[in-house]
Amino acid sequence: MTKKYKFTHIREAHNEFEAFLRIKGMSTRQFSFLLDVSEVTARRYILDTTLLRYYHMNIIATHFNMTVKDVIDIIEYDLK
């Protein structure tokens, strides 16, 4: 079961990656379980997506049925 977020919560996201996770209904706790890291580290990854490794991006892409390139594109959007 995914968590449903209100549009105001999605609009207040710090970056596109966080907004993407909220749209998909994934909380920080679920994200930490997915990547097998602590919640503090997961929050750090969400706020600064440049810390994500290819291994993590591959897990995220597999979970959401996307390609790694799609995940990279979401991250690159904020770097411009």
N, C-alpha and C. Protein backbone atom coordinates (compact mmCIF):
# COMPACT_ATOMS: atom_id res chain seq x y z
N MET A 1 0.84 -1.18 0.00
CA MET A 1 0.00 0.00 0.00
C MET A 1 0.88 1.24 0.00
N THR A 2 0.60 2.15 -0.89
CA THR A 2 1.39 3.36 -0.95
C THR A 2 0.70 4.48 -0.21
N LYS A 3 1.49 5.38 0.30
CA LYS A 3 0.96 6.52 1.02
C LYS A 3 0.50 7.56 0.01
N LYS A 4 -0.63 8.16 0.25
CA LYS A 4 -1.15 9.19 -0.64
C LYS A 4 -0.76 10.55 -0.08
N TYR A 5 -0.13 11.36 -0.90
CA TYR A 5 0.29 12.70 -0.49
C TYR A 5 -0.61 13.74 -1.12
N LYS A 6 -0.83 14.83 -0.38
CA LYS A 6 -1.61 15.93 -0.91
C LYS A 6 -0.74 16.71 -1.89
N PHE A 7 -1.38 17.42 -2.81
CA PHE A 7 -0.65 18.18 -3.81
C PHE A 7 0.22 19.26 -3.18
N THR A 8 -0.22 19.84 -2.06
CA THR A 8 0.59 20.86 -1.41
C THR A 8 1.90 20.27 -0.90
N HIS A 9 1.84 19.04 -0.42
CA HIS A 9 3.06 18.38 0.06
C HIS A 9 4.00 18.09 -1.10
N ILE A 10 3.46 17.74 -2.24
CA ILE A 10 4.28 17.46 -3.42
C ILE A 10 4.89 18.76 -3.93
N ARG A 11 4.12 19.85 -3.93
CA ARG A 11 4.63 21.14 -4.40
C ARG A 11 5.74 21.67 -3.50
N GLU A 12 5.73 21.32 -2.23
CA GLU A 12 6.74 21.80 -1.29
C GLU A 12 8.00 20.94 -1.29
N ALA A 13 8.10 20.01 -2.21
CA ALA A 13 9.28 19.14 -2.29
C ALA A 13 10.52 19.98 -2.57
N HIS A 14 11.65 19.55 -2.04
CA HIS A 14 12.89 20.29 -2.20
C HIS A 14 13.48 20.17 -3.60
N ASN A 15 13.17 19.09 -4.29
CA ASN A 15 13.71 18.89 -5.64
C ASN A 15 12.78 17.96 -6.41
N GLU A 16 13.11 17.74 -7.67
CA GLU A 16 12.27 16.90 -8.53
C GLU A 16 12.27 15.45 -8.08
N PHE A 17 13.39 14.98 -7.55
CA PHE A 17 13.46 13.58 -7.12
C PHE A 17 12.53 13.34 -5.94
N GLU A 18 12.51 14.27 -5.00
CA GLU A 18 11.58 14.12 -3.86
C GLU A 18 10.14 14.19 -4.34
N ALA A 19 9.84 15.08 -5.27
CA ALA A 19 8.49 15.17 -5.81
C ALA A 19 8.11 13.87 -6.51
N PHE A 20 9.04 13.28 -7.25
CA PHE A 20 8.81 12.01 -7.92
C PHE A 20 8.47 10.92 -6.90
N LEU A 21 9.23 10.85 -5.82
CA LEU A 21 8.96 9.84 -4.80
C LEU A 21 7.59 10.06 -4.16
N ARG A 22 7.23 11.31 -3.92
CA ARG A 22 5.94 11.60 -3.31
C ARG A 22 4.79 11.26 -4.26
N ILE A 23 4.96 11.55 -5.54
CA ILE A 23 3.93 11.21 -6.52
C ILE A 23 3.72 9.70 -6.57
N LYS A 24 4.83 8.96 -6.48
CA LYS A 24 4.76 7.50 -6.48
C LYS A 24 4.27 6.94 -5.14
N GLY A 25 4.18 7.80 -4.12
CA GLY A 25 3.65 7.38 -2.83
C GLY A 25 4.68 6.75 -1.91
N MET A 26 5.94 7.05 -2.11
CA MET A 26 6.98 6.44 -1.29
C MET A 26 7.45 7.41 -0.21
N SER A 27 7.42 6.95 1.03
CA SER A 27 7.89 7.76 2.15
C SER A 27 9.39 7.57 2.32
N THR A 28 9.97 8.37 3.18
CA THR A 28 11.40 8.26 3.46
C THR A 28 11.72 6.91 4.09
N ARG A 29 10.85 6.43 4.94
CA ARG A 29 11.07 5.12 5.57
C ARG A 29 11.05 4.00 4.53
N GLN A 30 10.08 4.04 3.63
CA GLN A 30 10.02 3.02 2.57
C GLN A 30 11.24 3.11 1.67
N PHE A 31 11.68 4.33 1.39
CA PHE A 31 12.86 4.54 0.57
C PHE A 31 14.10 3.96 1.24
N SER A 32 14.20 4.13 2.55
CA SER A 32 15.35 3.58 3.27
C SER A 32 15.33 2.05 3.26
N PHE A 33 14.15 1.45 3.38
CA PHE A 33 14.05 -0.01 3.29
C PHE A 33 14.40 -0.51 1.89
N LEU A 34 13.98 0.24 0.88
CA LEU A 34 14.26 -0.15 -0.50
C LEU A 34 15.77 -0.17 -0.77
N LEU A 35 16.47 0.86 -0.29
CA LEU A 35 17.90 0.96 -0.53
C LEU A 35 18.74 0.26 0.53
N ASP A 36 18.10 -0.21 1.58
CA ASP A 36 18.78 -0.88 2.69
C ASP A 36 19.80 0.04 3.34
N VAL A 37 19.36 1.26 3.65
CA VAL A 37 20.18 2.24 4.35
C VAL A 37 19.35 2.79 5.51
N SER A 38 19.99 3.55 6.40
CA SER A 38 19.25 4.14 7.52
C SER A 38 18.36 5.27 7.01
N GLU A 39 17.39 5.66 7.82
CA GLU A 39 16.47 6.72 7.41
C GLU A 39 17.19 8.06 7.27
N VAL A 40 18.19 8.29 8.10
CA VAL A 40 18.96 9.53 8.00
C VAL A 40 19.70 9.58 6.66
N THR A 41 20.30 8.48 6.27
CA THR A 41 21.00 8.41 4.99
C THR A 41 20.02 8.54 3.84
N ALA A 42 18.86 7.92 3.95
CA ALA A 42 17.84 8.02 2.89
C ALA A 42 17.40 9.47 2.73
N ARG A 43 17.21 10.17 3.83
CA ARG A 43 16.81 11.59 3.77
C ARG A 43 17.91 12.42 3.11
N ARG A 44 19.16 12.10 3.43
CA ARG A 44 20.29 12.80 2.83
C ARG A 44 20.33 12.55 1.32
N TYR A 45 20.04 11.32 0.91
CA TYR A 45 20.00 10.99 -0.52
C TYR A 45 18.87 11.75 -1.22
N ILE A 46 17.75 11.91 -0.55
CA ILE A 46 16.63 12.62 -1.16
C ILE A 46 16.96 14.10 -1.32
N LEU A 47 17.58 14.69 -0.31
CA LEU A 47 17.90 16.12 -0.36
C LEU A 47 19.06 16.43 -1.30
N ASP A 48 20.04 15.54 -1.36
CA ASP A 48 21.19 15.73 -2.25
C ASP A 48 21.34 14.48 -3.12
N THR A 49 20.69 14.50 -4.24
CA THR A 49 20.62 13.31 -5.09
C THR A 49 21.95 12.96 -5.75
N THR A 50 22.92 13.87 -5.69
CA THR A 50 24.23 13.57 -6.27
C THR A 50 24.97 12.52 -5.44
N LEU A 51 24.50 12.23 -4.25
CA LEU A 51 25.12 11.21 -3.40
C LEU A 51 24.72 9.79 -3.79
N LEU A 52 23.66 9.68 -4.59
CA LEU A 52 23.20 8.35 -5.00
C LEU A 52 24.23 7.68 -5.90
N ARG A 53 24.46 6.42 -5.67
CA ARG A 53 25.37 5.64 -6.51
C ARG A 53 24.56 4.94 -7.61
N TYR A 54 25.26 4.45 -8.62
CA TYR A 54 24.60 3.74 -9.71
C TYR A 54 23.82 2.54 -9.17
N TYR A 55 24.38 1.87 -8.18
CA TYR A 55 23.72 0.72 -7.56
C TYR A 55 22.35 1.11 -7.00
N HIS A 56 22.29 2.26 -6.32
CA HIS A 56 21.02 2.74 -5.77
C HIS A 56 20.04 3.11 -6.87
N MET A 57 20.56 3.78 -7.91
CA MET A 57 19.69 4.17 -9.02
C MET A 57 19.11 2.95 -9.72
N ASN A 58 19.89 1.90 -9.81
CA ASN A 58 19.42 0.66 -10.43
C ASN A 58 18.30 0.04 -9.59
N ILE A 59 18.43 0.05 -8.27
CA ILE A 59 17.37 -0.46 -7.40
C ILE A 59 16.10 0.36 -7.56
N ILE A 60 16.23 1.68 -7.59
CA ILE A 60 15.07 2.57 -7.74
C ILE A 60 14.39 2.32 -9.09
N ALA A 61 15.19 2.23 -10.15
CA ALA A 61 14.63 2.01 -11.49
C ALA A 61 13.90 0.67 -11.56
N THR A 62 14.48 -0.36 -10.98
CA THR A 62 13.84 -1.67 -10.99
C THR A 62 12.53 -1.65 -10.22
N HIS A 63 12.53 -0.96 -9.07
CA HIS A 63 11.33 -0.91 -8.23
C HIS A 63 10.17 -0.20 -8.94
N PHE A 64 10.49 0.89 -9.64
CA PHE A 64 9.45 1.68 -10.30
C PHE A 64 9.26 1.30 -11.77
N ASN A 65 9.91 0.20 -12.22
CA ASN A 65 9.77 -0.29 -13.58
C ASN A 65 10.16 0.78 -14.60
N MET A 66 11.35 1.35 -14.41
CA MET A 66 11.90 2.37 -15.29
C MET A 66 13.31 1.95 -15.68
N THR A 67 13.96 2.79 -16.46
CA THR A 67 15.36 2.56 -16.75
C THR A 67 16.20 3.46 -15.85
N VAL A 68 17.47 3.12 -15.73
CA VAL A 68 18.37 3.94 -14.92
C VAL A 68 18.50 5.33 -15.55
N LYS A 69 18.45 5.41 -16.86
CA LYS A 69 18.53 6.70 -17.55
C LYS A 69 17.38 7.62 -17.14
N ASP A 70 16.19 7.07 -16.92
CA ASP A 70 15.06 7.88 -16.46
C ASP A 70 15.34 8.47 -15.08
N VAL A 71 15.92 7.68 -14.19
CA VAL A 71 16.26 8.16 -12.85
C VAL A 71 17.32 9.25 -12.95
N ILE A 72 18.31 9.04 -13.80
CA ILE A 72 19.37 10.04 -13.98
C ILE A 72 18.79 11.34 -14.54
N ASP A 73 17.84 11.24 -15.46
CA ASP A 73 17.21 12.43 -16.02
C ASP A 73 16.47 13.23 -14.95
N ILE A 74 15.82 12.54 -14.02
CA ILE A 74 15.12 13.22 -12.92
C ILE A 74 16.14 13.96 -12.05
N ILE A 75 17.26 13.32 -11.79
CA ILE A 75 18.30 13.94 -10.96
C ILE A 75 18.95 15.10 -11.70
N GLU A 76 19.23 14.95 -12.98
CA GLU A 76 19.87 16.00 -13.75
C GLU A 76 19.00 17.24 -13.89
N TYR A 77 17.70 17.08 -13.82
CA TYR A 77 16.79 18.22 -13.97
C TYR A 77 17.09 19.30 -12.93
N ASP A 78 17.45 18.89 -11.71
CA ASP A 78 17.74 19.85 -10.65
C ASP A 78 19.15 20.42 -10.75
N LEU A 79 20.03 19.78 -11.47
CA LEU A 79 21.41 20.25 -11.55
C LEU A 79 21.59 21.38 -12.55
N LYS A 80 20.59 21.62 -13.38
CA LYS A 80 20.70 22.68 -14.39
C LYS A 80 20.43 24.03 -13.80
